[in-house]
């Protein structure tokens, strides 16, 4: 079977209820916390994607027993200091920046050197932003070209707490420092630019010695030495980042309505909801609940009739950093010029996403003005494509693939999108759910090329 998807027509109107897989950020963090707990932890609705499976393989290499049955998982933790370190140990983070960066915070007390590697895309991403603060604890790192994977971590038995100012709004860097702080005697203090706070919420739920003071632009976090972590049984809510593609597809489709069940709507993750509402998209939360510190709800969205341009406030960036590619598709159909700035973090992802945004929008016939950290999008409410588009050579970035597919279904044209298997890193069932949205079950909206 080919790794290419072809789409030759827009999606028709639909009215559906769907379920998307478990949240990737929570799935990875659950595996890591469960590996440190004393005893058996169980997760339901664990995301079974390449990133999460890589995390499971990583803790197994550290001596942790795991039983996986479909999307239910049991992890038998050996305690906060229960990892087993073999000689010449190599951990492969594959495509997962979350795994690669977070696990380094747990390896800084290793008595033996550990190699961390990743795939071609991850090996181009900045790991110095994590190794620098972790070095302050007393560990040492050897990086490729002083910045990239492969790297080697040399742990220390004489770790000391640190004070650190995290200025980039990177939840991965912040979480890695929190994990490292658990391993030191004394209290580590972090001043962190606003970013997703799943790690802090799990720490609080587990009763760990963490305190968080939320200010307007920064959070002040204190984490002290952890002696024991209780088991964590978790029914993982579904992923807002995965939901984003269907939210936008519904907004851009005519006479359509969609409900997505049981979604994690952590306030640090719903920047896309805030942005799209400002642009005139009607999105509603139903059945709101609090679960282990996280907010979850069903999301209902209906077709947008009049999309407004937006001068997007940068304070919303961190809460939508993974969703901007698909948000830009909404701006493409807005009336007026939309402006998004302070987005240099987009080029620190699996691919240089700001550059890919320009490429996709240019293919749509939409004018843009881009810099290294901003984009202006000149919207066209009557946008309708009637040409051939080929999308390839994007470092297998799953969000480029999914955004391109949503663009094809929303705006028309004849699209050939390469590297279909890129979705396996985060959302293997993406195409199946797209297929389920169509009205005519006898005809496919896209076809594989054999």
Protein backbone atom coordinates (compact mmCIF):
# COMPACT_ATOMS: atom_id res chain seq x y z
CA UNK A 1 0.00 0.00 0.00
CA UNK A 2 1.28 3.44 -0.92
CA UNK A 3 2.13 6.08 1.63
CA UNK A 4 0.23 8.70 -0.38
CA UNK A 5 -3.30 10.05 0.06
CA UNK A 6 -5.21 11.68 -2.81
CA UNK A 7 -8.21 13.97 -2.30
CA UNK A 8 -10.22 15.21 -5.25
CA UNK A 9 -13.30 16.83 -3.73
CA UNK A 10 -14.60 18.74 -0.73
CA UNK A 11 -16.34 17.04 2.13
CA UNK A 12 -20.15 17.30 2.17
CA UNK A 13 -22.17 18.57 5.10
CA UNK A 14 -22.29 16.34 8.17
CA UNK A 15 -23.83 16.14 11.62
CA UNK A 16 -21.91 13.72 13.80
CA UNK A 17 -20.66 12.81 17.26
CA UNK A 18 -17.11 11.47 17.38
CA UNK A 19 -14.51 10.31 19.88
CA UNK A 20 -10.82 11.06 19.39
CA UNK A 21 -8.00 9.14 21.12
CA UNK A 22 -6.46 9.92 24.49
CA UNK A 23 -4.44 13.06 25.10
CA UNK A 24 -0.81 12.59 24.01
CA UNK A 25 0.68 14.94 26.61
CA UNK A 26 -1.18 13.17 29.42
CA UNK A 27 -0.44 9.71 28.02
CA UNK A 28 3.32 10.32 27.98
CA UNK A 29 3.31 11.92 31.41
CA UNK A 30 1.23 9.07 32.85
CA UNK A 31 3.79 6.51 31.65
CA UNK A 32 6.63 8.46 33.25
CA UNK A 33 4.86 9.04 36.58
CA UNK A 34 3.63 5.43 36.72
CA UNK A 35 7.18 4.18 36.16
CA UNK A 36 8.25 6.09 39.31
CA UNK A 37 5.34 4.96 41.48
CA UNK A 38 5.37 2.20 44.07
CA UNK A 39 3.31 -0.60 42.56
CA UNK A 40 0.79 -1.10 39.75
CA UNK A 41 -0.77 1.86 37.93
CA UNK A 42 -3.48 1.39 35.31
CA UNK A 43 -4.48 3.67 32.43
CA UNK A 44 -7.54 3.49 30.21
CA UNK A 45 -7.83 5.31 26.87
CA UNK A 46 -4.05 5.57 26.60
CA UNK A 47 -3.08 6.97 23.21
CA UNK A 48 -1.51 4.16 21.22
CA UNK A 49 0.76 6.17 18.96
CA UNK A 50 4.45 5.95 18.12
CA UNK A 51 5.33 8.71 20.62
CA UNK A 52 3.59 6.94 23.51
CA UNK A 53 4.92 3.52 22.50
CA UNK A 54 8.42 5.02 22.46
CA UNK A 55 7.85 6.23 26.02
CA UNK A 56 6.77 2.73 27.09
CA UNK A 57 9.87 1.23 25.46
CA UNK A 58 12.04 3.81 27.24
CA UNK A 59 10.81 2.88 30.74
CA UNK A 60 11.04 -0.83 29.88
CA UNK A 61 14.71 -0.28 29.05
CA UNK A 62 15.03 1.21 32.53
CA UNK A 63 13.76 -2.01 34.10
CA UNK A 64 10.04 -1.22 34.39
CA UNK A 65 7.47 -3.96 33.69
CA UNK A 66 4.62 -2.95 31.36
CA UNK A 67 1.51 -4.80 30.18
CA UNK A 68 -0.33 -3.27 27.23
CA UNK A 69 -3.70 -4.51 25.95
CA UNK A 70 -5.13 -2.32 23.18
CA UNK A 71 -5.46 1.13 24.81
CA UNK A 72 -5.41 -0.17 28.39
CA UNK A 73 -2.04 -0.29 30.09
CA UNK A 74 -0.58 -1.48 33.39
CA UNK A 75 2.79 -0.28 34.62
CA UNK A 76 4.53 -1.82 37.60
CA UNK A 77 6.64 0.95 39.10
CA UNK A 78 9.72 0.29 41.23
CA UNK A 79 9.64 3.57 43.16
CA UNK A 80 11.20 6.99 42.67
CA UNK A 81 14.70 5.50 42.52
CA UNK A 82 13.69 2.21 40.94
CA UNK A 83 15.21 2.56 37.47
CA UNK A 84 17.86 -0.02 36.54
CA UNK A 85 20.78 1.32 34.57
CA UNK A 86 22.64 -1.06 32.26
CA UNK A 87 25.99 -0.46 30.62
CA UNK A 88 25.86 1.27 27.21
CA UNK A 89 22.13 1.97 27.57
CA UNK A 90 20.52 3.78 24.62
CA UNK A 91 17.04 5.28 24.78
CA UNK A 92 15.34 6.12 21.48
CA UNK A 93 12.86 9.00 21.72
CA UNK A 94 12.03 8.52 18.02
CA UNK A 95 9.96 11.59 17.00
CA UNK A 96 8.85 12.64 20.48
CA UNK A 97 10.22 15.91 21.82
CA UNK A 98 8.06 15.46 24.92
CA UNK A 99 9.64 12.10 25.75
CA UNK A 100 13.17 13.17 24.80
CA UNK A 101 13.16 16.30 26.92
CA UNK A 102 11.13 15.10 29.90
CA UNK A 103 13.01 11.86 30.46
CA UNK A 104 16.33 13.71 30.69
CA UNK A 105 15.11 15.20 33.97
CA UNK A 106 14.69 11.67 35.33
CA UNK A 107 18.12 10.48 34.20
CA UNK A 108 20.33 13.09 35.86
CA UNK A 109 21.16 10.79 38.79
CA UNK A 110 22.08 7.80 36.62
CA UNK A 111 25.32 6.15 37.81
CA UNK A 112 26.12 5.18 34.22
CA UNK A 113 26.20 7.23 31.02
CA UNK A 114 23.03 6.99 28.92
CA UNK A 115 22.69 7.71 25.22
CA UNK A 116 19.58 9.50 23.95
CA UNK A 117 18.82 9.29 20.25
CA UNK A 118 15.87 10.21 18.00
CA UNK A 119 14.72 10.14 14.41
CA UNK A 120 15.89 12.54 11.70
CA UNK A 121 13.35 15.20 12.62
CA UNK A 122 13.94 15.09 16.40
CA UNK A 123 17.69 15.15 15.81
CA UNK A 124 17.29 18.64 14.30
CA UNK A 125 15.53 20.05 17.35
CA UNK A 126 17.15 22.05 20.15
CA UNK A 127 18.09 19.99 23.21
CA UNK A 128 20.47 22.58 24.62
CA UNK A 129 17.42 24.38 26.04
CA UNK A 130 17.01 21.36 28.36
CA UNK A 131 20.62 20.32 28.92
CA UNK A 132 21.61 23.82 30.07
CA UNK A 133 19.27 23.98 33.09
CA UNK A 134 19.77 20.28 33.89
CA UNK A 135 23.54 20.83 33.96
CA UNK A 136 23.01 23.30 36.78
CA UNK A 137 21.79 20.40 38.95
CA UNK A 138 25.17 18.69 38.57
CA UNK A 139 24.66 16.34 35.62
CA UNK A 140 26.80 16.61 32.50
CA UNK A 141 25.80 16.37 28.86
CA UNK A 142 27.57 15.76 25.59
CA UNK A 143 25.47 16.92 22.61
CA UNK A 144 26.01 16.72 18.88
CA UNK A 145 27.25 20.16 17.76
CA UNK A 146 26.57 21.30 21.34
CA UNK A 147 22.83 21.38 20.65
CA UNK A 148 21.36 18.28 19.03
CA UNK A 149 20.77 14.55 19.39
CA UNK A 150 22.39 12.11 19.72
CA UNK A 151 23.46 13.15 23.19
CA UNK A 152 24.93 11.45 26.22
CA UNK A 153 23.94 12.21 29.81
CA UNK A 154 26.34 11.65 32.68
CA UNK A 155 24.36 11.55 35.91
CA UNK A 156 25.54 12.68 39.33
CA UNK A 157 24.94 11.39 42.85
CA UNK A 158 25.57 14.89 44.23
CA UNK A 159 22.66 16.83 42.75
CA UNK A 160 21.80 20.26 44.07
CA UNK A 161 18.58 22.28 43.70
CA UNK A 162 18.58 25.25 41.35
CA UNK A 163 16.79 28.47 40.55
CA UNK A 164 15.82 28.80 36.91
CA UNK A 165 13.99 31.31 34.72
CA UNK A 166 12.23 29.51 31.83
CA UNK A 167 11.61 32.30 29.31
CA UNK A 168 10.43 30.43 26.20
CA UNK A 169 7.08 29.13 27.41
CA UNK A 170 8.19 25.53 26.87
CA UNK A 171 6.22 23.02 28.93
CA UNK A 172 8.79 20.38 27.99
CA UNK A 173 11.69 22.34 29.49
CA UNK A 174 9.67 23.24 32.58
CA UNK A 175 8.55 19.65 33.12
CA UNK A 176 12.09 18.32 32.72
CA UNK A 177 13.29 20.70 35.43
CA UNK A 178 10.40 19.64 37.71
CA UNK A 179 11.35 15.97 37.26
CA UNK A 180 14.97 16.81 38.02
CA UNK A 181 13.94 18.78 41.10
CA UNK A 182 12.21 15.67 42.47
CA UNK A 183 15.62 13.97 42.60
CA UNK A 184 17.48 16.64 44.58
CA UNK A 185 17.68 17.40 48.27
CA UNK A 186 16.27 20.87 48.92
CA UNK A 187 13.88 22.97 46.86
CA UNK A 188 14.17 23.86 43.18
CA UNK A 189 12.58 27.16 42.20
CA UNK A 190 11.33 27.83 38.68
CA UNK A 191 9.99 31.04 37.23
CA UNK A 192 8.29 29.91 34.03
CA UNK A 193 6.58 31.69 31.19
CA UNK A 194 3.00 30.46 30.82
CA UNK A 195 2.70 27.04 29.17
CA UNK A 196 0.64 23.85 29.58
CA UNK A 197 0.63 22.68 33.19
CA UNK A 198 -0.16 18.95 33.05
CA UNK A 199 2.99 18.02 34.97
CA UNK A 200 2.17 20.40 37.81
CA UNK A 201 -1.44 19.18 38.02
CA UNK A 202 -0.33 15.54 38.21
CA UNK A 203 2.20 16.45 40.91
CA UNK A 204 -0.56 18.12 42.93
CA UNK A 205 -2.97 15.21 42.40
CA UNK A 206 -0.31 12.79 43.63
CA UNK A 207 0.37 14.90 46.72
CA UNK A 208 3.98 15.65 45.79
CA UNK A 209 5.84 18.57 47.43
CA UNK A 210 5.08 21.19 44.78
CA UNK A 211 3.72 24.72 45.10
CA UNK A 212 2.55 26.95 42.25
CA UNK A 213 1.96 30.69 42.39
CA UNK A 214 0.29 31.96 39.22
CA UNK A 215 1.08 35.50 38.14
CA UNK A 216 -0.08 37.36 35.03
CA UNK A 217 2.70 36.28 32.66
CA UNK A 218 4.73 33.79 34.68
CA UNK A 219 4.23 30.97 37.17
CA UNK A 220 6.45 30.53 40.21
CA UNK A 221 6.96 26.84 40.92
CA UNK A 222 8.74 25.18 43.83
CA UNK A 223 9.46 21.45 43.84
CA UNK A 224 11.23 19.57 46.61
CA UNK A 225 12.74 16.10 46.96
CA UNK A 226 10.21 13.29 46.43
CA UNK A 227 10.49 10.19 48.59
CA UNK A 228 7.52 8.23 47.24
CA UNK A 229 4.94 8.42 44.44
CA UNK A 230 1.62 6.64 44.86
CA UNK A 231 0.15 4.58 42.04
CA UNK A 232 -1.82 6.50 39.43
CA UNK A 233 -4.96 4.98 37.93
CA UNK A 234 -6.07 7.22 35.10
CA UNK A 235 -8.86 7.26 32.50
CA UNK A 236 -7.13 9.62 30.10
CA UNK A 237 -9.34 12.35 28.56
CA UNK A 238 -9.26 12.79 24.80
CA UNK A 239 -6.86 15.13 23.02
CA UNK A 240 -7.73 18.77 22.25
CA UNK A 241 -4.90 18.93 19.68
CA UNK A 242 -6.37 15.99 17.78
CA UNK A 243 -9.83 17.54 18.08
CA UNK A 244 -8.58 20.79 16.54
CA UNK A 245 -8.56 19.37 13.01
CA UNK A 246 -12.21 18.36 13.23
CA UNK A 247 -13.21 21.63 14.88
CA UNK A 248 -11.70 23.55 11.96
CA UNK A 249 -13.12 21.17 9.35
CA UNK A 250 -16.60 21.71 10.80
CA UNK A 251 -16.16 25.49 10.97
CA UNK A 252 -15.10 25.61 7.32
CA UNK A 253 -17.78 23.21 6.03
CA UNK A 254 -21.30 24.27 5.10
CA UNK A 255 -24.34 23.31 7.21
CA UNK A 256 -22.34 21.02 9.50
CA UNK A 257 -22.34 20.27 13.21
CA UNK A 258 -19.98 18.18 15.30
CA UNK A 259 -19.79 17.02 18.92
CA UNK A 260 -16.48 15.62 20.21
CA UNK A 261 -16.76 13.67 23.45
CA UNK A 262 -14.75 13.83 26.67
CA UNK A 263 -12.02 16.30 25.67
CA UNK A 264 -9.27 17.62 27.94
CA UNK A 265 -9.97 21.38 28.08
CA UNK A 266 -7.15 22.34 30.42
CA UNK A 267 -7.07 26.19 30.29
CA UNK A 268 -3.41 26.08 29.22
CA UNK A 269 -4.39 24.05 26.12
CA UNK A 270 -7.50 25.74 24.72
CA UNK A 271 -5.93 28.71 22.97
CA UNK A 272 -7.47 27.46 19.73
CA UNK A 273 -10.96 27.69 21.24
CA UNK A 274 -10.37 31.27 22.40
CA UNK A 275 -8.88 32.30 19.05
CA UNK A 276 -11.61 30.71 16.92
CA UNK A 277 -14.36 32.19 19.08
CA UNK A 278 -12.81 35.62 18.53
CA UNK A 279 -12.98 34.89 14.81
CA UNK A 280 -16.70 34.17 15.00
CA UNK A 281 -16.71 30.37 15.21
CA UNK A 282 -19.41 29.04 17.54
CA UNK A 283 -17.91 26.51 19.96
CA UNK A 284 -19.64 25.26 23.10
CA UNK A 285 -18.58 23.20 26.11
CA UNK A 286 -21.08 20.65 27.47
CA UNK A 287 -20.93 18.23 30.43
CA UNK A 288 -18.02 20.07 32.05
CA UNK A 289 -16.20 18.05 34.77
CA UNK A 290 -13.00 18.15 36.82
CA UNK A 291 -10.98 14.92 36.71
CA UNK A 292 -7.73 14.52 38.68
CA UNK A 293 -7.17 18.27 38.45
CA UNK A 294 -7.87 18.46 34.70
CA UNK A 295 -10.96 20.02 33.14
CA UNK A 296 -12.80 17.94 30.56
CA UNK A 297 -15.97 18.43 28.52
CA UNK A 298 -17.77 17.57 25.31
CA UNK A 299 -17.09 20.13 22.58
CA UNK A 300 -19.79 21.18 20.11
CA UNK A 301 -18.97 23.23 17.01
CA UNK A 302 -21.14 24.40 14.11
CA UNK A 303 -20.33 25.79 10.67
CA UNK A 304 -19.09 29.37 10.67
CA UNK A 305 -21.02 31.71 8.38
CA UNK A 306 -18.98 34.88 8.80
CA UNK A 307 -15.34 34.43 9.79
CA UNK A 308 -13.61 37.54 11.11
CA UNK A 309 -9.93 38.35 10.81
CA UNK A 310 -7.95 38.49 14.04
CA UNK A 311 -4.96 40.37 15.40
CA UNK A 312 -4.06 37.45 17.64
CA UNK A 313 -2.86 38.44 21.14
CA UNK A 314 0.55 36.79 21.75
CA UNK A 315 -0.59 35.80 25.24
CA UNK A 316 -2.72 33.12 23.53
CA UNK A 317 0.26 31.58 21.71
CA UNK A 318 1.40 29.06 24.29
CA UNK A 319 -2.10 27.64 24.63
CA UNK A 320 -2.37 27.06 20.87
CA UNK A 321 1.21 26.40 19.79
CA UNK A 322 0.43 22.96 18.34
CA UNK A 323 -2.74 24.13 16.60
CA UNK A 324 -1.60 27.23 14.68
CA UNK A 325 -1.19 25.45 11.35
CA UNK A 326 -4.85 24.54 11.28
CA UNK A 327 -5.91 27.89 12.79
CA UNK A 328 -4.25 29.56 9.79
CA UNK A 329 -6.72 27.74 7.52
CA UNK A 330 -9.57 29.57 9.27
CA UNK A 331 -7.73 32.87 8.80
CA UNK A 332 -7.43 32.02 5.08
CA UNK A 333 -11.22 32.22 4.78
CA UNK A 334 -11.68 35.23 7.05
CA UNK A 335 -12.76 38.66 5.92
CA UNK A 336 -9.71 40.90 6.28
CA UNK A 337 -6.08 40.49 7.31
CA UNK A 338 -5.17 38.28 10.28
CA UNK A 339 -1.90 38.83 12.11
CA UNK A 340 -0.08 36.30 14.29
CA UNK A 341 3.25 37.22 15.91
CA UNK A 342 5.88 36.03 18.43
CA UNK A 343 5.69 32.54 16.93
CA UNK A 344 9.37 31.56 16.69
CA UNK A 345 8.52 28.41 18.70
CA UNK A 346 6.63 27.12 15.65
CA UNK A 347 9.96 26.59 13.92
CA UNK A 348 11.20 24.49 16.86
CA UNK A 349 8.66 21.76 16.17
CA UNK A 350 8.91 18.60 14.01
CA UNK A 351 9.30 20.82 10.94
CA UNK A 352 9.68 24.60 10.50
CA UNK A 353 5.92 25.04 10.73
CA UNK A 354 5.79 28.76 10.02
CA UNK A 355 7.51 28.10 6.69
CA UNK A 356 5.11 25.26 5.97
CA UNK A 357 2.16 27.48 6.81
CA UNK A 358 3.29 29.88 4.09
CA UNK A 359 3.69 27.00 1.61
CA UNK A 360 0.24 25.58 2.29
CA UNK A 361 -1.46 28.98 2.16
CA UNK A 362 0.39 29.89 -1.03
CA UNK A 363 -0.90 26.68 -2.59
CA UNK A 364 -4.39 27.84 -1.61
CA UNK A 365 -3.82 31.12 -3.43
CA UNK A 366 -3.78 33.08 -0.18
CA UNK A 367 -1.37 35.98 0.15
CA UNK A 368 0.86 36.00 3.24
CA UNK A 369 3.64 38.13 4.65
CA UNK A 370 5.92 36.07 6.87
CA UNK A 371 8.97 36.72 9.00
CA UNK A 372 10.94 34.37 11.26
CA UNK A 373 8.30 34.75 13.97
CA UNK A 374 5.15 36.23 12.43
CA UNK A 375 2.63 35.79 9.65
CA UNK A 376 0.00 38.06 8.09
CA UNK A 377 -2.76 36.21 6.25
CA UNK A 378 -4.90 38.06 3.69
CA UNK A 379 -8.18 36.17 3.99
CA UNK A 380 -10.62 35.38 1.20
CA UNK A 381 -14.18 34.50 2.33
CA UNK A 382 -14.88 33.05 -1.15
CA UNK A 383 -11.82 30.83 -1.18
CA UNK A 384 -12.34 27.87 -3.51
CA UNK A 385 -9.49 25.90 -5.04
CA UNK A 386 -9.43 24.37 -8.52
CA UNK A 387 -5.88 23.17 -9.15
CA UNK A 388 -3.44 20.40 -8.31
CA UNK A 389 -1.45 20.55 -5.05
CA UNK A 390 1.38 18.24 -3.97
CA UNK A 391 2.56 18.19 -0.35
CA UNK A 392 5.81 16.32 0.40
CA UNK A 393 9.29 16.61 1.97
CA UNK A 394 8.00 18.08 5.24
CA UNK A 395 10.10 15.91 7.60
CA UNK A 396 7.07 13.69 8.17
CA UNK A 397 5.50 16.29 10.47
CA UNK A 398 2.11 14.80 11.38
CA UNK A 399 0.48 18.21 11.74
CA UNK A 400 1.55 19.30 8.26
CA UNK A 401 -0.07 16.15 6.85
CA UNK A 402 -3.32 16.59 8.79
CA UNK A 403 -3.54 20.34 8.10
CA UNK A 404 -3.05 19.70 4.37
CA UNK A 405 -5.81 17.11 4.40
CA UNK A 406 -8.23 19.48 6.19
CA UNK A 407 -7.36 22.18 3.62
CA UNK A 408 -8.13 19.78 0.77
CA UNK A 409 -11.50 18.76 2.24
CA UNK A 410 -12.41 22.38 3.04
CA UNK A 411 -11.31 24.28 -0.07
CA UNK A 412 -11.32 21.77 -2.91
CA UNK A 413 -8.70 21.12 -5.56
CA UNK A 414 -6.84 17.92 -6.39
CA UNK A 415 -4.37 17.11 -3.64
CA UNK A 416 -1.62 14.52 -3.41
CA UNK A 417 -0.29 14.35 0.14
CA UNK A 418 2.77 12.21 0.84
CA UNK A 419 3.92 10.43 4.03
CA UNK A 420 0.56 9.29 5.31
CA UNK A 421 2.28 7.26 8.05
CA UNK A 422 3.43 10.49 9.73
CA UNK A 423 0.13 10.46 11.65
CA UNK A 424 1.26 7.36 13.54
CA UNK A 425 3.32 9.53 15.88
CA UNK A 426 0.24 11.13 17.39
CA UNK A 427 -3.06 10.15 15.74
CA UNK A 428 -3.12 6.79 13.92
CA UNK A 429 -6.94 6.78 13.63
CA UNK A 430 -7.15 10.24 12.02
CA UNK A 431 -8.09 9.04 8.53
CA UNK A 432 -10.66 6.59 9.86
CA UNK A 433 -12.48 9.37 11.72
CA UNK A 434 -12.37 11.56 8.61
CA UNK A 435 -13.93 8.70 6.68
CA UNK A 436 -16.69 8.34 9.29
CA UNK A 437 -17.68 11.99 8.89
CA UNK A 438 -18.94 11.66 5.37
CA UNK A 439 -22.62 11.17 4.64
CA UNK A 440 -22.38 8.67 1.78
CA UNK A 441 -20.81 5.59 3.36
CA UNK A 442 -20.43 3.93 -0.07
CA UNK A 443 -17.97 6.48 -1.45
CA UNK A 444 -14.63 7.50 -0.02
CA UNK A 445 -13.55 11.12 0.22
CA UNK A 446 -9.96 10.16 -0.38
CA UNK A 447 -8.22 7.11 -1.73
CA UNK A 448 -4.89 5.43 -1.21
CA UNK A 449 -2.69 5.16 -4.23
CA UNK A 450 -1.55 1.58 -4.76
